[in-house]
Structures are given as structure tokens and as C-alpha cells.
């Protein structure tokens, strides 16, 4: 047992191993922001809707039952953490999931919650 000024460490080797496996602070902040974006049910609805294919903001708003303004705001947050991307066709932007990982992340989280 190792004792520092305010903490008692019972297994220094395990503490050292855990500390070595921590990602850099910036990576942790980015990951925190990523998961924070996923806490909003409307954003999750948008991701599920985009799982069926690309949609414009107008069709998305009808699909998820939210205003165009609200959906646009949510899309900006989803784009910031690279969950969705846009493709311009004339005056309309069509949104889609950034890649296959997005659905996998949501499916894995849902499967995990259904275990209990």
C-alpha cells in the first residue's frame, strides 16, 4: 500500500496501468462533446430518420415532428461532431449519416440498455 498526501493507493501497479491507458485530455473533451450531442431525443430521431437515407431539412422536420428551425439547429450540432453530413443539390441540402459507425453506435447502445 502506497500513501500520498491525501490518497491511499492499494494497488499502485493497477493505478499506473489505468493512468497509462487514459486518452489525452483533448480526446476526452471531444468524446464528451460527442456524447453530449446524443443526449437530445430529437437528435436521436434525426439520426434514426437519416438511417433510412438522405433527407432535406424540410422532410426531416416532418419525419421527426419538429420545426424546420429546430431541425436545422440540431443538424448543426450533429454536423459539428461529424454524425451527419450535407450534400447540396441546387438550393436544397440533403443530409445523411456521416458513415456506418453512426447507426452502429446507436444500435450498440440500445442493445446494451436492453440487456437489463
Protein backbone atom coordinates (compact mmCIF):
# COMPACT_ATOMS: atom_id res chain seq x y z
CA UNK A 1 0.00 0.00 0.00
CA UNK A 2 1.31 3.43 -1.01
CA UNK A 3 0.18 6.55 0.77
CA UNK A 4 0.42 10.02 -0.74
CA UNK A 5 -0.56 13.32 0.88
CA UNK A 6 -4.35 12.82 0.58
CA UNK A 7 -4.90 9.46 -1.08
CA UNK A 8 -4.31 5.86 -0.19
CA UNK A 9 -3.32 3.62 -3.10
CA UNK A 10 -3.76 -0.10 -2.55
CA UNK A 11 -2.62 -1.37 -5.93
CA UNK A 12 -0.08 1.00 -7.42
CA UNK A 13 0.53 -1.24 -10.44
CA UNK A 14 -3.17 -1.13 -11.37
CA UNK A 15 -3.33 2.64 -10.81
CA UNK A 16 -0.31 3.11 -13.08
CA UNK A 17 -1.82 0.86 -15.76
CA UNK A 18 -5.15 2.70 -15.65
CA UNK A 19 -3.40 6.08 -15.87
CA UNK A 20 -1.33 4.93 -18.87
CA UNK A 21 -4.49 3.99 -20.76
CA UNK A 22 -6.22 7.35 -20.36
CA UNK A 23 -6.51 9.22 -23.65
CA UNK A 24 -5.20 12.80 -23.90
CA UNK A 25 -7.42 15.45 -22.30
CA UNK A 26 -8.43 16.92 -25.69
CA UNK A 27 -9.63 13.50 -26.86
CA UNK A 28 -11.70 13.14 -23.68
CA UNK A 29 -13.24 16.57 -24.23
CA UNK A 30 -14.13 15.69 -27.83
CA UNK A 31 -15.66 12.40 -26.71
CA UNK A 32 -17.65 14.20 -24.03
CA UNK A 33 -18.99 16.65 -26.61
CA UNK A 34 -19.85 13.74 -28.93
CA UNK A 35 -21.93 12.01 -26.26
CA UNK A 36 -23.49 15.29 -25.09
CA UNK A 37 -24.88 15.80 -28.59
CA UNK A 38 -26.56 12.39 -28.36
CA UNK A 39 -28.50 13.26 -25.19
CA UNK A 40 -31.28 15.03 -27.08
CA UNK A 41 -34.21 12.82 -28.20
CA UNK A 42 -34.87 14.98 -31.28
CA UNK A 43 -31.29 14.50 -32.42
CA UNK A 44 -31.66 10.75 -31.97
CA UNK A 45 -34.87 10.86 -34.04
CA UNK A 46 -32.98 12.73 -36.76
CA UNK A 47 -30.27 10.07 -36.77
CA UNK A 48 -32.83 7.28 -36.97
CA UNK A 49 -34.62 9.07 -39.83
CA UNK A 50 -31.35 9.54 -41.69
CA UNK A 51 -30.66 5.83 -41.18
CA UNK A 52 -33.26 5.26 -43.90
CA UNK A 53 -31.46 7.51 -46.40
CA UNK A 54 -30.71 11.13 -47.10
CA UNK A 55 -33.36 13.76 -46.42
CA UNK A 56 -33.62 17.53 -46.72
CA UNK A 57 -34.35 19.62 -43.64
CA UNK A 58 -37.99 20.04 -44.66
CA UNK A 59 -38.62 16.30 -44.93
CA UNK A 60 -36.67 15.71 -41.73
CA UNK A 61 -38.83 18.20 -39.86
CA UNK A 62 -41.99 16.34 -40.88
CA UNK A 63 -40.40 12.95 -40.14
CA UNK A 64 -39.38 13.84 -36.58
CA UNK A 65 -42.22 16.22 -35.77
CA UNK A 66 -40.15 19.34 -35.17
CA UNK A 67 -39.94 22.75 -36.81
CA UNK A 68 -37.54 23.39 -39.67
CA UNK A 69 -35.69 25.87 -37.45
CA UNK A 70 -35.32 23.31 -34.66
CA UNK A 71 -34.14 20.58 -37.04
CA UNK A 72 -31.61 22.98 -38.60
CA UNK A 73 -30.25 23.78 -35.15
CA UNK A 74 -29.96 20.07 -34.30
CA UNK A 75 -28.31 19.29 -37.64
CA UNK A 76 -25.64 21.90 -36.92
CA UNK A 77 -24.82 20.16 -33.62
CA UNK A 78 -24.78 16.75 -35.31
CA UNK A 79 -22.51 18.05 -38.07
CA UNK A 80 -20.13 19.58 -35.51
CA UNK A 81 -19.36 16.11 -34.10
CA UNK A 82 -19.38 14.52 -37.57
CA UNK A 83 -22.50 12.40 -37.12
CA UNK A 84 -24.18 13.85 -40.23
CA UNK A 85 -23.04 15.47 -43.45
CA UNK A 86 -24.76 17.55 -46.10
CA UNK A 87 -24.81 17.43 -49.87
CA UNK A 88 -26.02 20.44 -51.84
CA UNK A 89 -28.21 19.92 -54.90
CA UNK A 90 -29.11 23.34 -56.24
CA UNK A 91 -30.78 25.25 -53.42
CA UNK A 92 -31.52 22.18 -51.29
CA UNK A 93 -29.12 20.45 -48.92
CA UNK A 94 -29.65 16.75 -48.40
CA UNK A 95 -28.41 15.33 -45.13
CA UNK A 96 -27.17 11.82 -44.46
CA UNK A 97 -25.32 9.92 -41.77
CA UNK A 98 -21.61 10.62 -41.89
CA UNK A 99 -20.76 6.90 -42.07
CA UNK A 100 -21.89 3.43 -40.98
CA UNK A 101 -20.44 3.93 -37.49
CA UNK A 102 -23.32 6.21 -36.53
CA UNK A 103 -26.01 3.53 -36.70
CA UNK A 104 -23.62 1.01 -35.09
CA UNK A 105 -23.04 3.33 -32.12
CA UNK A 106 -26.76 3.83 -31.55
CA UNK A 107 -27.57 0.15 -32.08
CA UNK A 108 -24.84 -0.95 -29.67
CA UNK A 109 -26.06 1.49 -27.02
CA UNK A 110 -29.64 0.32 -27.47
CA UNK A 111 -28.60 -3.35 -27.31
CA UNK A 112 -26.66 -2.63 -24.13
CA UNK A 113 -29.68 -0.97 -22.50
CA UNK A 114 -31.95 -3.84 -23.49
CA UNK A 115 -29.71 -6.32 -21.65
CA UNK A 116 -31.24 -5.24 -18.36
